[in-house]
Amino acid sequence: MTSPTPPAEPAYADRTYRSAAGIAGGALLLAIGLWLGVDAVIQGHGNAPWLSLAVLLCAVPLIVAFSFRPAVFAGADRLIVRNPFRTITLPWASVADVRAGYSSEVFDQSGGKYQLWAIPVSLRQRKRAARRQVRDATVDGQIGTSVTADVTDTKARMAPTDQSVLTLRELAEQGASREGAQGPVSIRWAYEVIAPAVAGAVLFVVLLAIG
């Protein structure tokens, strides 16, 4: 007689969070900046083309850093937060809480706080969600009584940012005990963004100084 097969460990699909509005704004800024910069390089006189190149060298990495780069990756074992200038890797066991006030933030067990640039807070969406909750409660005759809606229904009525934060908090609680979710927080600086931006700024200052 064979022993019963133990229940399979639940699988947690990887989740990726990005700001669509941030990407769209960055694409617009990048297009305008490249158009003006390339035109100045071609049509400019004296050291104007070099100044334009220096501005592009500094501005393009910054635009990319603040618009295209921010992302949050939630996997089975860890949370990876990619912000403009650094990437923070937090094993789920190191995550103490995930909150959304005026910004979305994750806290580690030692009290460290890291902002989630890819999950911006929209006060307008939050107010809209609150009005929808009140309206639904009125329709259901639940004003002034305890609401016993299930978690899925409650999450569906939240603002998108609050939905994402609640999901990340649930993943942290579910994954904290996993063997692969142990370990310290690690931080890597985005030198591929910082180096060209600093070089462009230095070049711009030097060109201005020498006239």
Protein backbone atom coordinates (compact mmCIF):
# COMPACT_ATOMS: atom_id res chain seq x y z
CA MET A 1 0.00 0.00 0.00
CA THR A 2 1.50 3.31 -1.04
CA SER A 3 1.47 6.31 1.24
CA PRO A 4 -0.75 9.20 0.20
CA THR A 5 0.94 11.85 -1.90
CA PRO A 6 1.49 15.07 0.09
CA PRO A 7 -0.41 18.07 -1.22
CA ALA A 8 1.52 20.06 -3.79
CA GLU A 9 3.08 23.28 -2.61
CA PRO A 10 1.04 26.24 -3.88
CA ALA A 11 2.62 27.99 -6.85
CA TYR A 12 2.90 31.76 -6.84
CA ALA A 13 2.94 33.31 -10.30
CA ASP A 14 5.46 36.09 -10.81
CA ARG A 15 3.85 39.51 -10.87
CA THR A 16 5.24 42.65 -12.48
CA TYR A 17 4.08 46.16 -11.61
CA ARG A 18 4.87 49.21 -13.72
CA SER A 19 3.36 52.68 -14.06
CA ALA A 20 1.71 53.04 -17.47
CA ALA A 21 1.33 56.80 -16.95
CA GLY A 22 5.01 57.12 -16.07
CA ILE A 23 6.09 55.21 -19.16
CA ALA A 24 3.82 57.28 -21.41
CA GLY A 25 5.12 60.53 -19.90
CA GLY A 26 8.70 59.38 -20.25
CA ALA A 27 8.20 58.43 -23.89
CA LEU A 28 6.78 61.89 -24.60
CA LEU A 29 9.64 63.67 -22.82
CA LEU A 30 12.19 61.47 -24.54
CA ALA A 31 10.72 62.19 -27.97
CA ILE A 32 10.65 65.95 -27.37
CA GLY A 33 14.13 65.99 -25.88
CA LEU A 34 15.67 63.98 -28.71
CA TRP A 35 13.92 66.10 -31.32
CA LEU A 36 15.16 69.37 -29.80
CA GLY A 37 18.60 67.99 -28.99
CA VAL A 38 19.29 66.47 -32.41
CA ASP A 39 18.03 69.62 -34.10
CA ALA A 40 20.40 71.72 -31.98
CA VAL A 41 23.30 69.41 -32.83
CA ILE A 42 22.61 69.68 -36.56
CA GLN A 43 21.64 73.34 -36.77
CA GLY A 44 23.71 74.78 -33.93
CA HIS A 45 26.86 76.87 -34.27
CA GLY A 46 29.99 77.22 -32.18
CA ASN A 47 29.87 75.02 -29.08
CA ALA A 48 26.05 74.76 -29.17
CA PRO A 49 26.15 71.25 -30.67
CA TRP A 50 28.50 70.08 -27.92
CA LEU A 51 26.33 71.67 -25.24
CA SER A 52 23.32 69.89 -26.74
CA LEU A 53 25.13 66.58 -26.69
CA ALA A 54 26.09 67.13 -23.05
CA VAL A 55 22.48 67.91 -22.13
CA LEU A 56 21.27 64.79 -23.96
CA LEU A 57 23.92 62.67 -22.25
CA CYS A 58 22.68 63.89 -18.88
CA ALA A 59 18.93 64.13 -19.54
CA VAL A 60 18.23 60.90 -21.45
CA PRO A 61 19.43 58.55 -18.66
CA LEU A 62 17.45 60.57 -16.10
CA ILE A 63 14.25 60.41 -18.16
CA VAL A 64 14.70 56.67 -18.61
CA ALA A 65 15.46 56.25 -14.90
CA PHE A 66 12.32 58.00 -13.71
CA SER A 67 9.89 56.66 -16.33
CA PHE A 68 10.90 53.36 -17.96
CA ARG A 69 13.14 51.88 -15.26
CA PRO A 70 10.85 51.73 -12.18
CA ALA A 71 9.30 48.29 -11.75
CA VAL A 72 8.32 45.88 -8.98
CA PHE A 73 8.77 42.13 -9.47
CA ALA A 74 7.03 39.81 -7.00
CA GLY A 75 8.01 36.15 -7.19
CA ALA A 76 7.65 33.08 -5.03
CA ASP A 77 10.69 33.84 -2.87
CA ARG A 78 11.42 37.53 -3.08
CA LEU A 79 10.34 41.04 -3.96
CA ILE A 80 12.56 43.00 -6.34
CA VAL A 81 12.08 46.76 -6.32
CA ARG A 82 13.70 48.60 -9.21
CA ASN A 83 13.73 52.34 -8.52
CA PRO A 84 15.38 55.13 -10.56
CA PHE A 85 18.86 54.80 -9.06
CA ARG A 86 18.96 51.44 -7.29
CA THR A 87 17.50 47.94 -7.20
CA ILE A 88 16.45 46.46 -3.85
CA THR A 89 16.01 42.71 -3.46
CA LEU A 90 13.97 41.66 -0.42
CA PRO A 91 13.43 37.97 0.37
CA TRP A 92 9.87 37.62 1.65
CA ALA A 93 11.08 36.70 5.12
CA SER A 94 12.79 40.10 5.38
CA VAL A 95 9.60 42.04 4.54
CA ALA A 96 7.87 43.48 7.61
CA ASP A 97 5.05 45.34 5.84
CA VAL A 98 3.88 46.94 2.61
CA ARG A 99 1.89 50.17 2.91
CA ALA A 100 0.39 52.90 0.75
CA GLY A 101 -0.08 56.36 2.21
CA TYR A 102 0.94 59.27 0.04
CA SER A 103 3.38 56.84 -1.59
CA SER A 104 3.74 53.06 -1.74
CA GLU A 105 6.46 51.70 0.53
CA VAL A 106 7.89 48.39 1.69
CA PHE A 107 9.50 48.01 5.12
CA ASP A 108 12.09 45.41 6.07
CA GLN A 109 12.49 43.73 9.45
CA SER A 110 15.26 46.14 10.51
CA GLY A 111 13.08 49.21 9.94
CA GLY A 112 14.42 50.11 6.50
CA LYS A 113 11.93 51.78 4.18
CA TYR A 114 11.96 51.62 0.38
CA GLN A 115 9.60 53.49 -1.90
CA LEU A 116 7.83 51.62 -4.69
CA TRP A 117 8.18 54.06 -7.60
CA ALA A 118 6.38 51.67 -9.97
CA ILE A 119 3.19 51.72 -7.85
CA PRO A 120 2.30 55.41 -7.54
CA VAL A 121 -0.56 56.50 -5.27
CA SER A 122 -3.46 58.32 -6.92
CA LEU A 123 -5.57 60.20 -4.38
CA ARG A 124 -8.20 60.73 -7.09
CA GLN A 125 -8.54 56.99 -7.69
CA ARG A 126 -8.65 56.38 -3.95
CA LYS A 127 -11.49 58.90 -3.49
CA ARG A 128 -13.32 57.39 -6.45
CA ALA A 129 -13.00 53.92 -4.93
CA ALA A 130 -14.25 55.21 -1.56
CA ARG A 131 -17.33 56.74 -3.23
CA ARG A 132 -17.97 53.46 -5.05
CA GLN A 133 -17.78 51.54 -1.77
CA VAL A 134 -20.28 53.89 -0.15
CA ARG A 135 -22.60 53.62 -3.15
CA ASP A 136 -22.41 49.81 -3.16
CA ALA A 137 -23.04 49.71 0.58
CA THR A 138 -26.09 51.92 0.13
CA VAL A 139 -27.47 49.68 -2.59
CA ASP A 140 -26.90 46.57 -0.47
CA GLY A 141 -28.47 48.17 2.59
CA GLN A 142 -25.27 47.75 4.55
CA ILE A 143 -24.68 51.28 5.84
CA GLY A 144 -24.33 51.19 9.61
CA THR A 145 -23.93 47.40 9.71
CA SER A 146 -20.91 45.14 9.61
CA VAL A 147 -19.83 44.19 6.12
CA THR A 148 -18.89 40.54 5.62
CA ALA A 149 -17.90 40.65 1.95
CA ASP A 150 -15.16 38.20 1.00
CA VAL A 151 -11.56 39.29 0.39
CA THR A 152 -11.87 39.18 -3.39
CA ASP A 153 -14.90 41.48 -3.40
CA THR A 154 -13.23 43.86 -0.96
CA LYS A 155 -10.06 44.05 -3.07
CA ALA A 156 -12.09 44.68 -6.23
CA ARG A 157 -13.58 47.81 -4.64
CA MET A 158 -10.19 49.27 -3.74
CA ALA A 159 -8.13 51.76 -5.73
CA PRO A 160 -5.60 50.02 -8.03
CA THR A 161 -2.64 51.02 -5.84
CA ASP A 162 -4.30 49.65 -2.71
CA GLN A 163 -5.13 46.43 -4.56
CA SER A 164 -1.46 46.00 -5.53
CA VAL A 165 -0.24 46.75 -2.01
CA LEU A 166 -2.70 44.26 -0.50
CA THR A 167 -1.57 41.59 -2.97
CA LEU A 168 2.10 42.20 -2.11
CA ARG A 169 1.30 42.03 1.59
CA GLU A 170 -0.48 38.69 1.07
CA LEU A 171 2.46 37.33 -0.94
CA ALA A 172 4.86 38.39 1.83
CA GLU A 173 2.80 36.56 4.46
CA GLN A 174 2.44 33.43 2.30
CA GLY A 175 6.06 33.30 1.18
CA ALA A 176 7.89 34.23 4.39
CA SER A 177 8.19 30.62 5.55
CA ARG A 178 9.58 29.28 2.27
CA GLU A 179 13.15 28.02 2.39
CA GLY A 180 14.15 30.12 -0.61
CA ALA A 181 12.61 33.26 0.86
CA GLN A 182 15.20 33.62 3.64
CA GLY A 183 18.16 35.99 3.64
CA PRO A 184 19.11 39.65 4.00
CA VAL A 185 18.07 42.63 1.91
CA SER A 186 20.49 43.48 -0.89
CA ILE A 187 20.85 46.81 -2.72
CA ARG A 188 22.52 47.48 -6.07
CA TRP A 189 23.09 51.00 -7.37
CA ALA A 190 22.23 51.67 -11.03
CA TYR A 191 25.63 52.92 -12.17
CA GLU A 192 24.54 52.46 -15.79
CA VAL A 193 22.17 55.39 -15.15
CA ILE A 194 24.25 57.43 -12.72
CA ALA A 195 27.54 57.39 -14.69
CA PRO A 196 26.31 58.89 -18.01
CA ALA A 197 24.09 61.41 -16.23
CA VAL A 198 27.02 62.65 -14.11
CA ALA A 199 29.35 62.64 -17.14
CA GLY A 200 26.86 64.72 -19.12
CA ALA A 201 26.46 67.21 -16.28
CA VAL A 202 30.25 67.54 -15.85
CA LEU A 203 30.74 67.98 -19.59
CA PHE A 204 28.05 70.67 -19.69
CA VAL A 205 29.70 72.62 -16.87
CA VAL A 206 33.14 72.34 -18.50
CA LEU A 207 31.82 73.56 -21.84
CA LEU A 208 30.14 76.52 -20.19
CA ALA A 209 33.32 77.34 -18.29
CA ILE A 210 35.55 77.36 -21.37
CA GLY A 211 32.96 79.28 -23.39
